[in-house]
Amino acid sequence: MPKFTDTTIFPQPADRRFECQRALEEDFQVFTSLAEGAGWSWQEIALALMELTEDYVMAMRMNTKSAENNAVPLPLNKTLH
């Protein structure tokens, strides 16, 4: 099971990226070691992870766009001044 840390350690965006990377690093090493142990080359693993990452980014962008399109619009101010 992943051992993610609390996201409030570093409140700034750049620090949060570093903290996220740190939180994922140990499980990433285990994951890639398992893939290597199954016979995949580091190049195959890296390409597969990049493609999976691209798919993840596209799915998250679609979810964000869908949520924005489904947001309840605020009523327009109809005052004439």
PDB file of N, CA and C in Angstrom:
ATOM      1  N   MET A   1       0.845  -1.178   0.000  1.00  0.00           N
ATOM      2  CA  MET A   1       0.000   0.000   0.000  1.00  0.00           C
ATOM      3  C   MET A   1       0.892   1.244   0.000  1.00  0.00           C
ATOM      4  N   PRO A   2       0.603   2.260  -0.817  1.00  0.00           N
ATOM      5  CA  PRO A   2       1.427   3.472  -0.846  1.00  0.00           C
ATOM      6  C   PRO A   2       1.494   4.150   0.508  1.00  0.00           C
ATOM      7  N   LYS A   3       2.637   4.754   0.775  1.00  0.00           N
ATOM      8  CA  LYS A   3       2.851   5.444   2.041  1.00  0.00           C
ATOM      9  C   LYS A   3       2.932   6.941   1.786  1.00  0.00           C
ATOM     10  N   PHE A   4       1.814   7.544   1.412  1.00  0.00           N
ATOM     11  CA  PHE A   4       1.797   8.957   1.096  1.00  0.00           C
ATOM     12  C   PHE A   4       1.847   9.779   2.373  1.00  0.00           C
ATOM     13  N   THR A   5       2.527  10.906   2.284  1.00  0.00           N
ATOM     14  CA  THR A   5       2.608  11.796   3.433  1.00  0.00           C
ATOM     15  C   THR A   5       1.557  12.873   3.330  1.00  0.00           C
ATOM     16  N   ASP A   6       1.359  13.575   4.412  1.00  0.00           N
ATOM     17  CA  ASP A   6       0.406  14.681   4.467  1.00  0.00           C
ATOM     18  C   ASP A   6       0.823  15.754   3.472  1.00  0.00           C
ATOM     19  N   THR A   7      -0.147  16.361   2.811  1.00  0.00           N
ATOM     20  CA  THR A   7       0.151  17.366   1.788  1.00  0.00           C
ATOM     21  C   THR A   7       0.352  18.761   2.362  1.00  0.00           C
ATOM     22  N   THR A   8       0.294  18.909   3.666  1.00  0.00           N
ATOM     23  CA  THR A   8       0.393  20.250   4.246  1.00  0.00           C
ATOM     24  C   THR A   8       1.793  20.586   4.737  1.00  0.00           C
ATOM     25  N   ILE A   9       2.758  19.742   4.492  1.00  0.00           N
ATOM     26  CA  ILE A   9       4.116  20.014   4.959  1.00  0.00           C
ATOM     27  C   ILE A   9       4.678  21.250   4.263  1.00  0.00           C
ATOM     28  N   PHE A  10       4.532  21.332   2.951  1.00  0.00           N
ATOM     29  CA  PHE A  10       5.017  22.458   2.175  1.00  0.00           C
ATOM     30  C   PHE A  10       3.838  23.123   1.479  1.00  0.00           C
ATOM     31  N   PRO A  11       3.429  24.315   1.899  1.00  0.00           N
ATOM     32  CA  PRO A  11       2.250  24.945   1.328  1.00  0.00           C
ATOM     33  C   PRO A  11       2.460  25.569  -0.055  1.00  0.00           C
ATOM     34  N   GLN A  12       3.682  25.884  -0.445  1.00  0.00           N
ATOM     35  CA  GLN A  12       3.929  26.544  -1.722  1.00  0.00           C
ATOM     36  C   GLN A  12       3.909  25.525  -2.862  1.00  0.00           C
ATOM     37  N   PRO A  13       3.434  25.916  -4.067  1.00  0.00           N
ATOM     38  CA  PRO A  13       3.307  24.969  -5.185  1.00  0.00           C
ATOM     39  C   PRO A  13       4.598  24.218  -5.527  1.00  0.00           C
ATOM     40  N   ALA A  14       5.729  24.913  -5.628  1.00  0.00           N
ATOM     41  CA  ALA A  14       6.982  24.240  -5.972  1.00  0.00           C
ATOM     42  C   ALA A  14       7.363  23.241  -4.886  1.00  0.00           C
ATOM     43  N   ASP A  15       7.147  23.605  -3.641  1.00  0.00           N
ATOM     44  CA  ASP A  15       7.452  22.713  -2.536  1.00  0.00           C
ATOM     45  C   ASP A  15       6.507  21.521  -2.520  1.00  0.00           C
ATOM     46  N   ARG A  16       5.250  21.746  -2.880  1.00  0.00           N
ATOM     47  CA  ARG A  16       4.280  20.645  -2.933  1.00  0.00           C
ATOM     48  C   ARG A  16       4.669  19.635  -4.009  1.00  0.00           C
ATOM     49  N   ARG A  17       5.165  20.108  -5.145  1.00  0.00           N
ATOM     50  CA  ARG A  17       5.617  19.179  -6.188  1.00  0.00           C
ATOM     51  C   ARG A  17       6.755  18.313  -5.670  1.00  0.00           C
ATOM     52  N   PHE A  18       7.707  18.940  -4.973  1.00  0.00           N
ATOM     53  CA  PHE A  18       8.834  18.204  -4.399  1.00  0.00           C
ATOM     54  C   PHE A  18       8.335  17.200  -3.367  1.00  0.00           C
ATOM     55  N   GLU A  19       7.411  17.622  -2.526  1.00  0.00           N
ATOM     56  CA  GLU A  19       6.880  16.742  -1.489  1.00  0.00           C
ATOM     57  C   GLU A  19       6.119  15.572  -2.108  1.00  0.00           C
ATOM     58  N   CYS A  20       5.353  15.816  -3.159  1.00  0.00           N
ATOM     59  CA  CYS A  20       4.644  14.744  -3.852  1.00  0.00           C
ATOM     60  C   CYS A  20       5.652  13.753  -4.440  1.00  0.00           C
ATOM     61  N   GLN A  21       6.677  14.268  -5.070  1.00  0.00           N
ATOM     62  CA  GLN A  21       7.712  13.407  -5.640  1.00  0.00           C
ATOM     63  C   GLN A  21       8.360  12.560  -4.552  1.00  0.00           C
ATOM     64  N   ARG A  22       8.670  13.170  -3.433  1.00  0.00           N
ATOM     65  CA  ARG A  22       9.282  12.452  -2.311  1.00  0.00           C
ATOM     66  C   ARG A  22       8.345  11.368  -1.786  1.00  0.00           C
ATOM     67  N   ALA A  23       7.057  11.680  -1.715  1.00  0.00           N
ATOM     68  CA  ALA A  23       6.084  10.728  -1.198  1.00  0.00           C
ATOM     69  C   ALA A  23       5.929   9.523  -2.134  1.00  0.00           C
ATOM     70  N   LEU A  24       6.074   9.733  -3.425  1.00  0.00           N
ATOM     71  CA  LEU A  24       5.911   8.659  -4.404  1.00  0.00           C
ATOM     72  C   LEU A  24       7.183   7.861  -4.649  1.00  0.00           C
ATOM     73  N   GLU A  25       8.327   8.423  -4.290  1.00  0.00           N
ATOM     74  CA  GLU A  25       9.614   7.859  -4.692  1.00  0.00           C
ATOM     75  C   GLU A  25       9.831   6.411  -4.241  1.00  0.00           C
ATOM     76  N   GLU A  26       9.574   6.114  -2.996  1.00  0.00           N
ATOM     77  CA  GLU A  26       9.828   4.763  -2.489  1.00  0.00           C
ATOM     78  C   GLU A  26       8.962   3.726  -3.224  1.00  0.00           C
ATOM     79  N   ASP A  27       7.681   4.031  -3.366  1.00  0.00           N
ATOM     80  CA  ASP A  27       6.795   3.102  -4.073  1.00  0.00           C
ATOM     81  C   ASP A  27       7.163   3.000  -5.550  1.00  0.00           C
ATOM     82  N   PHE A  28       7.630   4.100  -6.125  1.00  0.00           N
ATOM     83  CA  PHE A  28       8.076   4.085  -7.519  1.00  0.00           C
ATOM     84  C   PHE A  28       9.255   3.125  -7.680  1.00  0.00           C
ATOM     85  N   GLN A  29      10.208   3.187  -6.756  1.00  0.00           N
ATOM     86  CA  GLN A  29      11.370   2.289  -6.817  1.00  0.00           C
ATOM     87  C   GLN A  29      10.942   0.830  -6.703  1.00  0.00           C
ATOM     88  N   VAL A  30      10.010   0.542  -5.818  1.00  0.00           N
ATOM     89  CA  VAL A  30       9.500  -0.829  -5.670  1.00  0.00           C
ATOM     90  C   VAL A  30       8.809  -1.261  -6.962  1.00  0.00           C
ATOM     91  N   PHE A  31       7.975  -0.373  -7.494  1.00  0.00           N
ATOM     92  CA  PHE A  31       7.216  -0.663  -8.708  1.00  0.00           C
ATOM     93  C   PHE A  31       8.145  -0.972  -9.882  1.00  0.00           C
ATOM     94  N   THR A  32       9.145  -0.121 -10.097  1.00  0.00           N
ATOM     95  CA  THR A  32      10.056  -0.336 -11.219  1.00  0.00           C
ATOM     96  C   THR A  32      10.918  -1.578 -10.995  1.00  0.00           C
ATOM     97  N   SER A  33      11.277  -1.868  -9.762  1.00  0.00           N
ATOM     98  CA  SER A  33      12.036  -3.095  -9.472  1.00  0.00           C
ATOM     99  C   SER A  33      11.220  -4.338  -9.788  1.00  0.00           C
ATOM    100  N   LEU A  34       9.926  -4.294  -9.457  1.00  0.00           N
ATOM    101  CA  LEU A  34       9.041  -5.415  -9.786  1.00  0.00           C
ATOM    102  C   LEU A  34       8.951  -5.608 -11.296  1.00  0.00           C
ATOM    103  N   ALA A  35       8.842  -4.509 -12.042  1.00  0.00           N
ATOM    104  CA  ALA A  35       8.767  -4.590 -13.501  1.00  0.00           C
ATOM    105  C   ALA A  35      10.066  -5.149 -14.078  1.00  0.00           C
ATOM    106  N   GLU A  36      11.203  -4.688 -13.555  1.00  0.00           N
ATOM    107  CA  GLU A  36      12.493  -5.219 -14.012  1.00  0.00           C
ATOM    108  C   GLU A  36      12.607  -6.701 -13.686  1.00  0.00           C
ATOM    109  N   GLY A  37      12.137  -7.086 -12.501  1.00  0.00           N
ATOM    110  CA  GLY A  37      12.166  -8.493 -12.100  1.00  0.00           C
ATOM    111  C   GLY A  37      11.289  -9.369 -12.981  1.00  0.00           C
ATOM    112  N   ALA A  38      10.261  -8.761 -13.570  1.00  0.00           N
ATOM    113  CA  ALA A  38       9.380  -9.498 -14.480  1.00  0.00           C
ATOM    114  C   ALA A  38       9.965  -9.593 -15.885  1.00  0.00           C
ATOM    115  N   GLY A  39      11.125  -8.945 -16.092  1.00  0.00           N
ATOM    116  CA  GLY A  39      11.808  -9.078 -17.374  1.00  0.00           C
ATOM    117  C   GLY A  39      11.734  -7.876 -18.297  1.00  0.00           C
ATOM    118  N   TRP A  40      11.100  -6.796 -17.873  1.00  0.00           N
ATOM    119  CA  TRP A  40      11.018  -5.604 -18.710  1.00  0.00           C
ATOM    120  C   TRP A  40      12.315  -4.809 -18.596  1.00  0.00           C
ATOM    121  N   SER A  41      12.762  -4.231 -19.707  1.00  0.00           N
ATOM    122  CA  SER A  41      13.967  -3.394 -19.682  1.00  0.00           C
ATOM    123  C   SER A  41      13.615  -2.028 -19.105  1.00  0.00           C
ATOM    124  N   TRP A  42      14.634  -1.302 -18.677  1.00  0.00           N
ATOM    125  CA  TRP A  42      14.360   0.026 -18.119  1.00  0.00           C
ATOM    126  C   TRP A  42      13.764   0.939 -19.181  1.00  0.00           C
ATOM    127  N   GLN A  43      14.156   0.746 -20.457  1.00  0.00           N
ATOM    128  CA  GLN A  43      13.602   1.559 -21.532  1.00  0.00           C
ATOM    129  C   GLN A  43      12.111   1.273 -21.723  1.00  0.00           C
ATOM    130  N   GLU A  44      11.739  -0.008 -21.690  1.00  0.00           N
ATOM    131  CA  GLU A  44      10.332  -0.371 -21.830  1.00  0.00           C
ATOM    132  C   GLU A  44       9.505   0.172 -20.676  1.00  0.00           C
ATOM    133  N   ILE A  45      10.052   0.084 -19.479  1.00  0.00           N
ATOM    134  CA  ILE A  45       9.364   0.591 -18.291  1.00  0.00           C
ATOM    135  C   ILE A  45       9.181   2.102 -18.398  1.00  0.00           C
ATOM    136  N   ALA A  46      10.255   2.801 -18.765  1.00  0.00           N
ATOM    137  CA  ALA A  46      10.186   4.264 -18.862  1.00  0.00           C
ATOM    138  C   ALA A  46       9.166   4.701 -19.905  1.00  0.00           C
ATOM    139  N   LEU A  47       9.163   4.067 -21.074  1.00  0.00           N
ATOM    140  CA  LEU A  47       8.202   4.430 -22.117  1.00  0.00           C
ATOM    141  C   LEU A  47       6.771   4.136 -21.688  1.00  0.00           C
ATOM    142  N   ALA A  48       6.566   2.994 -21.046  1.00  0.00           N
ATOM    143  CA  ALA A  48       5.219   2.651 -20.574  1.00  0.00           C
ATOM    144  C   ALA A  48       4.752   3.666 -19.534  1.00  0.00           C
ATOM    145  N   LEU A  49       5.627   4.046 -18.612  1.00  0.00           N
ATOM    146  CA  LEU A  49       5.256   5.023 -17.583  1.00  0.00           C
ATOM    147  C   LEU A  49       4.969   6.391 -18.188  1.00  0.00           C
ATOM    148  N   MET A  50       5.740   6.785 -19.196  1.00  0.00           N
ATOM    149  CA  MET A  50       5.477   8.070 -19.852  1.00  0.00           C
ATOM    150  C   MET A  50       4.119   8.053 -20.550  1.00  0.00           C
ATOM    151  N   GLU A  51       3.800   6.958 -21.227  1.00  0.00           N
ATOM    152  CA  GLU A  51       2.509   6.868 -21.910  1.00  0.00           C
ATOM    153  C   GLU A  51       1.363   6.830 -20.905  1.00  0.00           C
ATOM    154  N   LEU A  52       1.541   6.107 -19.805  1.00  0.00           N
ATOM    155  CA  LEU A  52       0.518   6.090 -18.765  1.00  0.00           C
ATOM    156  C   LEU A  52       0.337   7.475 -18.146  1.00  0.00           C
ATOM    157  N   THR A  53       1.442   8.192 -17.984  1.00  0.00           N
ATOM    158  CA  THR A  53       1.368   9.549 -17.445  1.00  0.00           C
ATOM    159  C   THR A  53       0.620  10.466 -18.402  1.00  0.00           C
ATOM    160  N   GLU A  54       0.903  10.363 -19.698  1.00  0.00           N
ATOM    161  CA  GLU A  54       0.177  11.166 -20.688  1.00  0.00           C
ATOM    162  C   GLU A  54      -1.314  10.860 -20.649  1.00  0.00           C
ATOM    163  N   ASP A  55      -1.665   9.569 -20.549  1.00  0.00           N
ATOM    164  CA  ASP A  55      -3.078   9.186 -20.464  1.00  0.00           C
ATOM    165  C   ASP A  55      -3.724   9.780 -19.216  1.00  0.00           C
ATOM    166  N   TYR A  56      -3.000   9.752 -18.107  1.00  0.00           N
ATOM    167  CA  TYR A  56      -3.505  10.305 -16.841  1.00  0.00           C
ATOM    168  C   TYR A  56      -3.745  11.808 -16.975  1.00  0.00           C
ATOM    169  N   VAL A  57      -2.787  12.509 -17.555  1.00  0.00           N
ATOM    170  CA  VAL A  57      -2.919  13.957 -17.731  1.00  0.00           C
ATOM    171  C   VAL A  57      -4.113  14.279 -18.622  1.00  0.00           C
ATOM    172  N   MET A  58      -4.259  13.562 -19.712  1.00  0.00           N
ATOM    173  CA  MET A  58      -5.387  13.817 -20.610  1.00  0.00           C
ATOM    174  C   MET A  58      -6.715  13.548 -19.917  1.00  0.00           C
ATOM    175  N   ALA A  59      -6.793  12.468 -19.138  1.00  0.00           N
ATOM    176  CA  ALA A  59      -8.028  12.150 -18.424  1.00  0.00           C
ATOM    177  C   ALA A  59      -8.349  13.222 -17.387  1.00  0.00           C
ATOM    178  N   MET A  60      -7.343  13.693 -16.677  1.00  0.00           N
ATOM    179  CA  MET A  60      -7.567  14.724 -15.664  1.00  0.00           C
ATOM    180  C   MET A  60      -7.991  16.041 -16.318  1.00  0.00           C
ATOM    181  N   ARG A  61      -7.392  16.363 -17.464  1.00  0.00           N
ATOM    182  CA  ARG A  61      -7.801  17.574 -18.187  1.00  0.00           C
ATOM    183  C   ARG A  61      -9.243  17.468 -18.659  1.00  0.00           C
ATOM    184  N   MET A  62      -9.624  16.285 -19.141  1.00  0.00           N
ATOM    185  CA  MET A  62     -11.004  16.067 -19.589  1.00  0.00           C
ATOM    186  C   MET A  62     -11.959  16.205 -18.406  1.00  0.00           C
ATOM    187  N   ASN A  63     -11.588  15.650 -17.259  1.00  0.00           N
ATOM    188  CA  ASN A  63     -12.428  15.751 -16.063  1.00  0.00           C
ATOM    189  C   ASN A  63     -12.578  17.203 -15.628  1.00  0.00           C
ATOM    190  N   THR A  64     -11.486  17.949 -15.682  1.00  0.00           N
ATOM    191  CA  THR A  64     -11.522  19.359 -15.292  1.00  0.00           C
ATOM    192  C   THR A  64     -12.395  20.146 -16.254  1.00  0.00           C
ATOM    193  N   LYS A  65     -12.218  19.909 -17.548  1.00  0.00           N
ATOM    194  CA  LYS A  65     -13.010  20.607 -18.564  1.00  0.00           C
ATOM    195  C   LYS A  65     -14.488  20.261 -18.408  1.00  0.00           C
ATOM    196  N   SER A  66     -14.786  18.993 -18.162  1.00  0.00           N
ATOM    197  CA  SER A  66     -16.165  18.552 -17.977  1.00  0.00           C
ATOM    198  C   SER A  66     -16.780  19.211 -16.745  1.00  0.00           C
ATOM    199  N   ALA A  67     -16.011  19.287 -15.662  1.00  0.00           N
ATOM    200  CA  ALA A  67     -16.512  19.919 -14.438  1.00  0.00           C
ATOM    201  C   ALA A  67     -16.768  21.403 -14.670  1.00  0.00           C
ATOM    202  N   GLU A  68     -15.892  22.056 -15.434  1.00  0.00           N
ATOM    203  CA  GLU A  68     -16.080  23.482 -15.732  1.00  0.00           C
ATOM    204  C   GLU A  68     -17.328  23.692 -16.588  1.00  0.00           C
ATOM    205  N   ASN A  69     -17.564  22.800 -17.542  1.00  0.00           N
ATOM    206  CA  ASN A  69     -18.736  22.926 -18.410  1.00  0.00           C
ATOM    207  C   ASN A  69     -20.033  22.627 -17.674  1.00  0.00           C
ATOM    208  N   ASN A  70     -19.974  21.810 -16.649  1.00  0.00           N
ATOM    209  CA  ASN A  70     -21.163  21.441 -15.893  1.00  0.00           C
ATOM    210  C   ASN A  70     -21.389  22.328 -14.677  1.00  0.00           C
ATOM    211  N   ALA A  71     -20.522  23.300 -14.469  1.00  0.00           N
ATOM    212  CA  ALA A  71     -20.678  24.189 -13.319  1.00  0.00           C
ATOM    213  C   ALA A  71     -21.948  25.010 -13.477  1.00  0.00           C
ATOM    214  N   VAL A  72     -22.599  25.263 -12.366  1.00  0.00           N
ATOM    215  CA  VAL A  72     -23.829  26.068 -12.389  1.00  0.00           C
ATOM    216  C   VAL A  72     -23.422  27.518 -12.623  1.00  0.00           C
ATOM    217  N   PRO A  73     -23.931  28.140 -13.683  1.00  0.00           N
ATOM    218  CA  PRO A  73     -23.535  29.515 -13.963  1.00  0.00           C
ATOM    219  C   PRO A  73     -24.148  30.468 -12.919  1.00  0.00           C
ATOM    220  N   LEU A  74     -23.387  31.482 -12.612  1.00  0.00           N
ATOM    221  CA  LEU A  74     -23.873  32.503 -11.702  1.00  0.00           C
ATOM    222  C   LEU A  74     -24.879  33.384 -12.430  1.00  0.00           C
ATOM    223  N   PRO A  75     -25.915  33.837 -11.748  1.00  0.00           N
ATOM    224  CA  PRO A  75     -26.883  34.713 -12.412  1.00  0.00           C
ATOM    225  C   PRO A  75     -26.209  36.031 -12.819  1.00  0.00           C
ATOM    226  N   LEU A  76     -26.596  36.507 -13.981  1.00  0.00           N
ATOM    227  CA  LEU A  76     -26.028  37.764 -14.460  1.00  0.00           C
ATOM    228  C   LEU A  76     -26.707  38.932 -13.769  1.00  0.00           C
ATOM    229  N   ASN A  77     -25.950  39.977 -13.510  1.00  0.00           N
ATOM    230  CA  ASN A  77     -26.501  41.183 -12.905  1.00  0.00           C
ATOM    231  C   ASN A  77     -27.251  41.934 -14.002  1.00  0.00           C
ATOM    232  N   LYS A  78     -28.529  42.150 -13.795  1.00  0.00           N
ATOM    233  CA  LYS A  78     -29.345  42.785 -14.829  1.00  0.00           C
ATOM    234  C   LYS A  78     -29.604  44.268 -14.547  1.00  0.00           C
ATOM    235  N   THR A  79     -28.813  44.835 -13.666  1.00  0.00           N
ATOM    236  CA  THR A  79     -28.981  46.281 -13.409  1.00  0.00           C
ATOM    237  C   THR A  79     -28.434  47.053 -14.591  1.00  0.00           C
ATOM    238  N   LEU A  80     -29.056  48.163 -14.894  1.00  0.00           N
ATOM    239  CA  LEU A  80     -28.694  48.958 -16.054  1.00  0.00           C
ATOM    240  C   LEU A  80     -27.866  50.173 -15.672  1.00  0.00           C
ATOM    241  N   HIS A  81     -26.943  50.084 -14.834  1.00  0.00           N
ATOM    242  CA  HIS A  81     -26.090  51.229 -14.500  1.00  0.00           C
ATOM    243  C   HIS A  81     -24.643  50.918 -14.641  1.00  0.00           C
TER     244      HIS A  81
END
